[in-house]
Full PDB file with SEQRES, HELIX, SHEET, SSBOND, CRYST1, ORIGX, SCALE, CONECT and MASTER records, all heavy atoms in Angstrom:
SEQRES   1 A   29  HIS ALA MET ALA ARG HIS GLY VAL ASP ALA GLY LYS ALA          
SEQRES   2 A   29  THR VAL ARG SER PRO LYS SER ARG THR THR TYR HIS ASN          
SEQRES   3 A   29  LEU LEU ARG                                                  
HELIX    1 AA1 ALA A    2  ARG A    5  1                                   4    
HELIX    2 AA2 TYR A   24  LEU A   28  1                                   5    
CRYST1    1.000    1.000    1.000  90.00  90.00  90.00 P 1           1          
ORIGX1      1.000000  0.000000  0.000000        0.00000                         
ORIGX2      0.000000  1.000000  0.000000        0.00000                         
ORIGX3      0.000000  0.000000  1.000000        0.00000                         
SCALE1      1.000000  0.000000  0.000000        0.00000                         
SCALE2      0.000000  1.000000  0.000000        0.00000                         
SCALE3      0.000000  0.000000  1.000000        0.00000                         
ATOM      1  N   HIS A   1      94.547   0.607 -22.874  1.00  0.00           N  
ATOM      2  CA  HIS A   1      94.524   1.722 -23.757  1.00  0.00           C  
ATOM      3  C   HIS A   1      93.122   1.895 -24.163  1.00  0.00           C  
ATOM      4  O   HIS A   1      92.489   2.989 -24.028  1.00  0.00           O  
ATOM      5  CB  HIS A   1      95.418   1.534 -24.942  1.00  0.00           C  
ATOM      6  CG  HIS A   1      95.314   2.652 -25.871  1.00  0.00           C  
ATOM      7  ND1 HIS A   1      95.892   3.905 -25.578  1.00  0.00           N  
ATOM      8  CD2 HIS A   1      94.853   2.809 -27.210  1.00  0.00           C  
ATOM      9  CE1 HIS A   1      95.644   4.764 -26.670  1.00  0.00           C  
ATOM     10  NE2 HIS A   1      94.977   4.081 -27.540  1.00  0.00           N  
ATOM     11  N   ALA A   2      92.309   0.801 -24.548  1.00  0.00           N  
ATOM     12  CA  ALA A   2      90.954   0.883 -24.928  1.00  0.00           C  
ATOM     13  C   ALA A   2      90.028   1.067 -23.696  1.00  0.00           C  
ATOM     14  O   ALA A   2      89.040   1.851 -23.865  1.00  0.00           O  
ATOM     15  CB  ALA A   2      90.572  -0.489 -25.703  1.00  0.00           C  
ATOM     16  N   MET A   3      90.367   0.443 -22.628  1.00  0.00           N  
ATOM     17  CA  MET A   3      89.675   0.634 -21.406  1.00  0.00           C  
ATOM     18  C   MET A   3      89.549   2.124 -20.990  1.00  0.00           C  
ATOM     19  O   MET A   3      88.636   2.696 -20.696  1.00  0.00           O  
ATOM     20  CB  MET A   3      90.136  -0.183 -20.304  1.00  0.00           C  
ATOM     21  CG  MET A   3      89.904  -1.704 -20.470  1.00  0.00           C  
ATOM     22  SD  MET A   3      90.643  -2.682 -19.161  1.00  0.00           S  
ATOM     23  CE  MET A   3      90.343  -4.337 -19.734  1.00  0.00           C  
ATOM     24  N   ALA A   4      90.787   2.824 -21.011  1.00  0.00           N  
ATOM     25  CA  ALA A   4      90.803   4.150 -20.688  1.00  0.00           C  
ATOM     26  C   ALA A   4      89.890   5.010 -21.648  1.00  0.00           C  
ATOM     27  O   ALA A   4      89.323   6.063 -21.270  1.00  0.00           O  
ATOM     28  CB  ALA A   4      92.239   4.671 -20.675  1.00  0.00           C  
ATOM     29  N   ARG A   5      90.071   4.774 -22.963  1.00  0.00           N  
ATOM     30  CA  ARG A   5      89.305   5.431 -23.913  1.00  0.00           C  
ATOM     31  C   ARG A   5      87.814   5.321 -23.734  1.00  0.00           C  
ATOM     32  O   ARG A   5      87.075   6.337 -23.987  1.00  0.00           O  
ATOM     33  CB  ARG A   5      89.665   4.886 -25.223  1.00  0.00           C  
ATOM     34  CG  ARG A   5      89.093   5.734 -26.462  1.00  0.00           C  
ATOM     35  CD  ARG A   5      89.921   5.395 -27.691  1.00  0.00           C  
ATOM     36  NE  ARG A   5      89.352   4.013 -28.334  1.00  0.00           N  
ATOM     37  CZ  ARG A   5      90.224   3.040 -28.327  1.00  0.00           C  
ATOM     38  NH1 ARG A   5      91.491   3.219 -28.012  1.00  0.00           N  
ATOM     39  NH2 ARG A   5      89.827   1.840 -28.733  1.00  0.00           N  
ATOM     40  N   HIS A   6      87.342   4.151 -23.257  1.00  0.00           N  
ATOM     41  CA  HIS A   6      85.961   4.057 -23.007  1.00  0.00           C  
ATOM     42  C   HIS A   6      85.487   4.112 -21.457  1.00  0.00           C  
ATOM     43  O   HIS A   6      84.337   3.829 -21.223  1.00  0.00           O  
ATOM     44  CB  HIS A   6      85.545   2.712 -23.550  1.00  0.00           C  
ATOM     45  CG  HIS A   6      85.570   2.534 -25.107  1.00  0.00           C  
ATOM     46  ND1 HIS A   6      84.714   3.297 -25.921  1.00  0.00           N  
ATOM     47  CD2 HIS A   6      86.469   1.864 -25.880  1.00  0.00           C  
ATOM     48  CE1 HIS A   6      85.090   2.927 -27.176  1.00  0.00           C  
ATOM     49  NE2 HIS A   6      86.127   2.114 -27.090  1.00  0.00           N  
ATOM     50  N   GLY A   7      86.477   4.601 -20.620  1.00  0.00           N  
ATOM     51  CA  GLY A   7      86.069   4.931 -19.322  1.00  0.00           C  
ATOM     52  C   GLY A   7      85.807   3.702 -18.344  1.00  0.00           C  
ATOM     53  O   GLY A   7      84.978   3.754 -17.534  1.00  0.00           O  
ATOM     54  N   VAL A   8      86.530   2.508 -18.730  1.00  0.00           N  
ATOM     55  CA  VAL A   8      86.448   1.369 -17.884  1.00  0.00           C  
ATOM     56  C   VAL A   8      87.645   1.214 -16.966  1.00  0.00           C  
ATOM     57  O   VAL A   8      88.736   1.017 -17.552  1.00  0.00           O  
ATOM     58  CB  VAL A   8      86.261   0.077 -18.769  1.00  0.00           C  
ATOM     59  CG1 VAL A   8      86.116  -1.155 -18.062  1.00  0.00           C  
ATOM     60  CG2 VAL A   8      85.034   0.340 -19.663  1.00  0.00           C  
ATOM     61  N   ASP A   9      87.469   1.175 -15.709  1.00  0.00           N  
ATOM     62  CA  ASP A   9      88.476   0.978 -14.636  1.00  0.00           C  
ATOM     63  C   ASP A   9      88.388  -0.396 -14.105  1.00  0.00           C  
ATOM     64  O   ASP A   9      87.502  -0.701 -13.416  1.00  0.00           O  
ATOM     65  CB  ASP A   9      88.474   1.979 -13.650  1.00  0.00           C  
ATOM     66  CG  ASP A   9      89.675   1.960 -12.656  1.00  0.00           C  
ATOM     67  OD1 ASP A   9      90.311   0.942 -12.606  1.00  0.00           O  
ATOM     68  OD2 ASP A   9      89.901   3.000 -12.112  1.00  0.00           O  
ATOM     69  N   ALA A  10      89.228  -1.389 -14.638  1.00  0.00           N  
ATOM     70  CA  ALA A  10      89.106  -2.808 -14.201  1.00  0.00           C  
ATOM     71  C   ALA A  10      89.466  -2.943 -12.793  1.00  0.00           C  
ATOM     72  O   ALA A  10      89.063  -3.970 -12.263  1.00  0.00           O  
ATOM     73  CB  ALA A  10      90.030  -3.711 -15.131  1.00  0.00           C  
ATOM     74  N   GLY A  11      90.122  -1.990 -12.220  1.00  0.00           N  
ATOM     75  CA  GLY A  11      90.381  -2.082 -10.731  1.00  0.00           C  
ATOM     76  C   GLY A  11      89.199  -1.621  -9.854  1.00  0.00           C  
ATOM     77  O   GLY A  11      89.269  -1.953  -8.665  1.00  0.00           O  
ATOM     78  N   LYS A  12      88.242  -0.907 -10.461  1.00  0.00           N  
ATOM     79  CA  LYS A  12      87.095  -0.402  -9.678  1.00  0.00           C  
ATOM     80  C   LYS A  12      85.819  -1.053 -10.077  1.00  0.00           C  
ATOM     81  O   LYS A  12      84.924  -1.124  -9.243  1.00  0.00           O  
ATOM     82  CB  LYS A  12      87.081   0.998  -9.792  1.00  0.00           C  
ATOM     83  CG  LYS A  12      88.282   1.846  -9.103  1.00  0.00           C  
ATOM     84  CD  LYS A  12      88.079   3.308  -9.312  1.00  0.00           C  
ATOM     85  CE  LYS A  12      89.229   4.149  -8.703  1.00  0.00           C  
ATOM     86  NZ  LYS A  12      89.048   5.580  -8.875  1.00  0.00           N  
ATOM     87  N   ALA A  13      85.757  -1.351 -11.395  1.00  0.00           N  
ATOM     88  CA  ALA A  13      84.372  -1.935 -11.864  1.00  0.00           C  
ATOM     89  C   ALA A  13      84.222  -3.409 -11.343  1.00  0.00           C  
ATOM     90  O   ALA A  13      85.025  -4.261 -11.340  1.00  0.00           O  
ATOM     91  CB  ALA A  13      84.404  -1.978 -13.327  1.00  0.00           C  
ATOM     92  N   THR A  14      83.151  -3.568 -10.532  1.00  0.00           N  
ATOM     93  CA  THR A  14      82.827  -4.800  -9.887  1.00  0.00           C  
ATOM     94  C   THR A  14      81.892  -5.612 -10.789  1.00  0.00           C  
ATOM     95  O   THR A  14      81.080  -5.074 -11.450  1.00  0.00           O  
ATOM     96  CB  THR A  14      82.312  -4.630  -8.501  1.00  0.00           C  
ATOM     97  OG1 THR A  14      81.055  -3.828  -8.525  1.00  0.00           O  
ATOM     98  CG2 THR A  14      83.300  -3.887  -7.652  1.00  0.00           C  
ATOM     99  N   VAL A  15      81.986  -7.024 -10.585  1.00  0.00           N  
ATOM    100  CA  VAL A  15      81.039  -7.926 -11.374  1.00  0.00           C  
ATOM    101  C   VAL A  15      80.572  -8.974 -10.400  1.00  0.00           C  
ATOM    102  O   VAL A  15      81.057  -9.092  -9.199  1.00  0.00           O  
ATOM    103  CB  VAL A  15      81.803  -8.557 -12.475  1.00  0.00           C  
ATOM    104  CG1 VAL A  15      82.199  -7.467 -13.583  1.00  0.00           C  
ATOM    105  CG2 VAL A  15      83.181  -9.290 -12.052  1.00  0.00           C  
ATOM    106  N   ARG A  16      79.554  -9.687 -10.773  1.00  0.00           N  
ATOM    107  CA  ARG A  16      79.082 -10.736  -9.850  1.00  0.00           C  
ATOM    108  C   ARG A  16      78.549 -11.871 -10.698  1.00  0.00           C  
ATOM    109  O   ARG A  16      78.214 -11.738 -11.940  1.00  0.00           O  
ATOM    110  CB  ARG A  16      77.977 -10.128  -8.993  1.00  0.00           C  
ATOM    111  CG  ARG A  16      76.741  -9.688  -9.702  1.00  0.00           C  
ATOM    112  CD  ARG A  16      75.714  -9.204  -8.760  1.00  0.00           C  
ATOM    113  NE  ARG A  16      75.300 -10.197  -7.803  1.00  0.00           N  
ATOM    114  CZ  ARG A  16      74.766 -10.039  -6.677  1.00  0.00           C  
ATOM    115  NH1 ARG A  16      74.703  -8.760  -6.178  1.00  0.00           N  
ATOM    116  NH2 ARG A  16      74.376 -11.149  -5.932  1.00  0.00           N  
ATOM    117  N   SER A  17      78.419 -13.105 -10.148  1.00  0.00           N  
ATOM    118  CA  SER A  17      77.884 -14.278 -10.841  1.00  0.00           C  
ATOM    119  C   SER A  17      77.418 -15.185  -9.610  1.00  0.00           C  
ATOM    120  O   SER A  17      78.361 -15.717  -8.822  1.00  0.00           O  
ATOM    121  CB  SER A  17      79.032 -14.978 -11.607  1.00  0.00           C  
ATOM    122  OG  SER A  17      78.423 -16.119 -12.265  1.00  0.00           O  
ATOM    123  N   PRO A  18      76.091 -15.413  -9.401  1.00  0.00           N  
ATOM    124  CA  PRO A  18      75.703 -16.256  -8.426  1.00  0.00           C  
ATOM    125  C   PRO A  18      76.281 -17.658  -8.333  1.00  0.00           C  
ATOM    126  O   PRO A  18      76.645 -18.106  -9.436  1.00  0.00           O  
ATOM    127  CB  PRO A  18      74.156 -16.277  -8.675  1.00  0.00           C  
ATOM    128  CG  PRO A  18      73.848 -15.019  -9.405  1.00  0.00           C  
ATOM    129  CD  PRO A  18      75.130 -14.852 -10.308  1.00  0.00           C  
ATOM    130  N   LYS A  19      76.323 -18.294  -7.337  1.00  0.00           N  
ATOM    131  CA  LYS A  19      76.883 -19.615  -7.185  1.00  0.00           C  
ATOM    132  C   LYS A  19      76.289 -20.595  -8.196  1.00  0.00           C  
ATOM    133  O   LYS A  19      75.098 -20.658  -8.264  1.00  0.00           O  
ATOM    134  CB  LYS A  19      76.766 -20.219  -5.768  1.00  0.00           C  
ATOM    135  CG  LYS A  19      77.404 -21.441  -5.629  1.00  0.00           C  
ATOM    136  CD  LYS A  19      77.326 -22.013  -4.153  1.00  0.00           C  
ATOM    137  CE  LYS A  19      78.045 -23.280  -3.935  1.00  0.00           C  
ATOM    138  NZ  LYS A  19      77.898 -23.732  -2.548  1.00  0.00           N  
ATOM    139  N   SER A  20      77.138 -21.091  -9.025  1.00  0.00           N  
ATOM    140  CA  SER A  20      76.654 -21.968 -10.060  1.00  0.00           C  
ATOM    141  C   SER A  20      77.880 -22.825 -10.648  1.00  0.00           C  
ATOM    142  O   SER A  20      79.036 -22.485 -10.346  1.00  0.00           O  
ATOM    143  CB  SER A  20      76.033 -21.274 -11.264  1.00  0.00           C  
ATOM    144  OG  SER A  20      76.907 -20.324 -11.839  1.00  0.00           O  
ATOM    145  N   ARG A  21      77.651 -23.925 -11.329  1.00  0.00           N  
ATOM    146  CA  ARG A  21      78.641 -24.549 -12.104  1.00  0.00           C  
ATOM    147  C   ARG A  21      78.621 -24.135 -13.550  1.00  0.00           C  
ATOM    148  O   ARG A  21      77.631 -24.130 -14.266  1.00  0.00           O  
ATOM    149  CB  ARG A  21      78.300 -26.177 -11.986  1.00  0.00           C  
ATOM    150  CG  ARG A  21      79.517 -26.932 -12.578  1.00  0.00           C  
ATOM    151  CD  ARG A  21      79.471 -28.405 -12.097  1.00  0.00           C  
ATOM    152  NE  ARG A  21      80.613 -29.160 -12.434  1.00  0.00           N  
ATOM    153  CZ  ARG A  21      81.708 -29.123 -11.822  1.00  0.00           C  
ATOM    154  NH1 ARG A  21      81.946 -28.351 -10.705  1.00  0.00           N  
ATOM    155  NH2 ARG A  21      82.853 -29.726 -12.209  1.00  0.00           N  
ATOM    156  N   THR A  22      79.749 -23.753 -13.916  1.00  0.00           N  
ATOM    157  CA  THR A  22      79.883 -23.052 -15.351  1.00  0.00           C  
ATOM    158  C   THR A  22      81.335 -23.509 -15.845  1.00  0.00           C  
ATOM    159  O   THR A  22      82.078 -24.223 -15.269  1.00  0.00           O  
ATOM    160  CB  THR A  22      79.676 -21.621 -15.235  1.00  0.00           C  
ATOM    161  OG1 THR A  22      79.702 -21.057 -16.529  1.00  0.00           O  
ATOM    162  CG2 THR A  22      80.797 -20.957 -14.285  1.00  0.00           C  
ATOM    163  N   THR A  23      81.598 -22.985 -17.025  1.00  0.00           N  
ATOM    164  CA  THR A  23      82.906 -23.184 -17.607  1.00  0.00           C  
ATOM    165  C   THR A  23      83.545 -21.868 -17.491  1.00  0.00           C  
ATOM    166  O   THR A  23      83.039 -20.653 -17.391  1.00  0.00           O  
ATOM    167  CB  THR A  23      82.802 -23.562 -19.166  1.00  0.00           C  
ATOM    168  OG1 THR A  23      82.139 -22.406 -19.862  1.00  0.00           O  
ATOM    169  CG2 THR A  23      82.037 -24.777 -19.356  1.00  0.00           C  
ATOM    170  N   TYR A  24      84.965 -21.833 -17.694  1.00  0.00           N  
ATOM    171  CA  TYR A  24      85.691 -20.582 -17.613  1.00  0.00           C  
ATOM    172  C   TYR A  24      85.355 -19.701 -18.770  1.00  0.00           C  
ATOM    173  O   TYR A  24      85.175 -18.474 -18.621  1.00  0.00           O  
ATOM    174  CB  TYR A  24      87.241 -20.851 -17.699  1.00  0.00           C  
ATOM    175  CG  TYR A  24      87.710 -21.622 -16.508  1.00  0.00           C  
ATOM    176  CD1 TYR A  24      87.874 -23.044 -16.503  1.00  0.00           C  
ATOM    177  CD2 TYR A  24      88.010 -20.929 -15.251  1.00  0.00           C  
ATOM    178  CE1 TYR A  24      88.361 -23.700 -15.338  1.00  0.00           C  
ATOM    179  CE2 TYR A  24      88.418 -21.618 -14.120  1.00  0.00           C  
ATOM    180  CZ  TYR A  24      88.654 -23.002 -14.223  1.00  0.00           C  
ATOM    181  OH  TYR A  24      89.045 -23.669 -12.991  1.00  0.00           O  
ATOM    182  N   HIS A  25      85.025 -20.220 -19.937  1.00  0.00           N  
ATOM    183  CA  HIS A  25      84.653 -19.409 -21.029  1.00  0.00           C  
ATOM    184  C   HIS A  25      83.269 -18.659 -20.728  1.00  0.00           C  
ATOM    185  O   HIS A  25      83.194 -17.536 -20.965  1.00  0.00           O  
ATOM    186  CB  HIS A  25      84.483 -20.318 -22.356  1.00  0.00           C  
ATOM    187  CG  HIS A  25      83.638 -19.713 -23.385  1.00  0.00           C  
ATOM    188  ND1 HIS A  25      84.013 -18.827 -24.125  1.00  0.00           N  
ATOM    189  CD2 HIS A  25      82.304 -19.876 -23.803  1.00  0.00           C  
ATOM    190  CE1 HIS A  25      83.183 -18.344 -24.973  1.00  0.00           C  
ATOM    191  NE2 HIS A  25      82.041 -19.076 -24.761  1.00  0.00           N  
ATOM    192  N   ASN A  26      82.323 -19.528 -20.300  1.00  0.00           N  
ATOM    193  CA  ASN A  26      80.999 -18.742 -20.014  1.00  0.00           C  
ATOM    194  C   ASN A  26      81.155 -17.836 -18.863  1.00  0.00           C  
ATOM    195  O   ASN A  26      80.472 -16.717 -18.893  1.00  0.00           O  
ATOM    196  CB  ASN A  26      79.982 -19.822 -19.650  1.00  0.00           C  
ATOM    197  CG  ASN A  26      79.487 -20.744 -20.779  1.00  0.00           C  
ATOM    198  OD1 ASN A  26      79.668 -20.233 -21.992  1.00  0.00           O  
ATOM    199  ND2 ASN A  26      79.117 -21.919 -20.558  1.00  0.00           N  
ATOM    200  N   LEU A  27      81.937 -18.074 -17.847  1.00  0.00           N  
ATOM    201  CA  LEU A  27      82.091 -17.185 -16.810  1.00  0.00           C  
ATOM    202  C   LEU A  27      82.648 -15.891 -17.216  1.00  0.00           C  
ATOM    203  O   LEU A  27      82.339 -14.648 -16.903  1.00  0.00           O  
ATOM    204  CB  LEU A  27      82.817 -17.665 -15.523  1.00  0.00           C  
ATOM    205  CG  LEU A  27      83.029 -16.825 -14.432  1.00  0.00           C  
ATOM    206  CD1 LEU A  27      81.637 -16.640 -13.669  1.00  0.00           C  
ATOM    207  CD2 LEU A  27      84.023 -17.408 -13.479  1.00  0.00           C  
ATOM    208  N   LEU A  28      83.698 -16.035 -18.056  1.00  0.00           N  
ATOM    209  CA  LEU A  28      84.438 -14.849 -18.549  1.00  0.00           C  
ATOM    210  C   LEU A  28      83.489 -13.895 -19.371  1.00  0.00           C  
ATOM    211  O   LEU A  28      83.413 -12.733 -19.134  1.00  0.00           O  
ATOM    212  CB  LEU A  28      85.680 -15.235 -19.408  1.00  0.00           C  
ATOM    213  CG  LEU A  28      86.935 -15.457 -18.721  1.00  0.00           C  
ATOM    214  CD1 LEU A  28      88.022 -16.214 -19.673  1.00  0.00           C  
ATOM    215  CD2 LEU A  28      87.570 -14.236 -18.116  1.00  0.00           C  
ATOM    216  N   ARG A  29      82.732 -14.566 -20.231  1.00  0.00           N  
ATOM    217  CA  ARG A  29      81.820 -13.840 -21.045  1.00  0.00           C  
ATOM    218  C   ARG A  29      80.808 -13.085 -20.222  1.00  0.00           C  
ATOM    219  O   ARG A  29      80.568 -11.961 -20.441  1.00  0.00           O  
ATOM    220  CB  ARG A  29      81.046 -14.792 -21.995  1.00  0.00           C  
ATOM    221  CG  ARG A  29      81.892 -15.354 -23.117  1.00  0.00           C  
ATOM    222  CD  ARG A  29      82.328 -14.270 -24.175  1.00  0.00           C  
ATOM    223  NE  ARG A  29      82.987 -14.825 -25.318  1.00  0.00           N  
ATOM    224  CZ  ARG A  29      83.970 -14.206 -26.078  1.00  0.00           C  
ATOM    225  NH1 ARG A  29      84.419 -13.053 -25.628  1.00  0.00           N  
ATOM    226  NH2 ARG A  29      84.513 -14.683 -27.019  1.00  0.00           N  
TER     227      ARG A  29                                                      
MASTER        0    0    0    2    0    0    0    6  226    1    0    3          
END                                                                             
């Protein structure tokens, strides 16, 4: 509901994170 209100499509918006060792918390953020 909030995503639609702010124009964020989680099915289309792409993200990236170069190969590294991290925690799930840091990666999510």
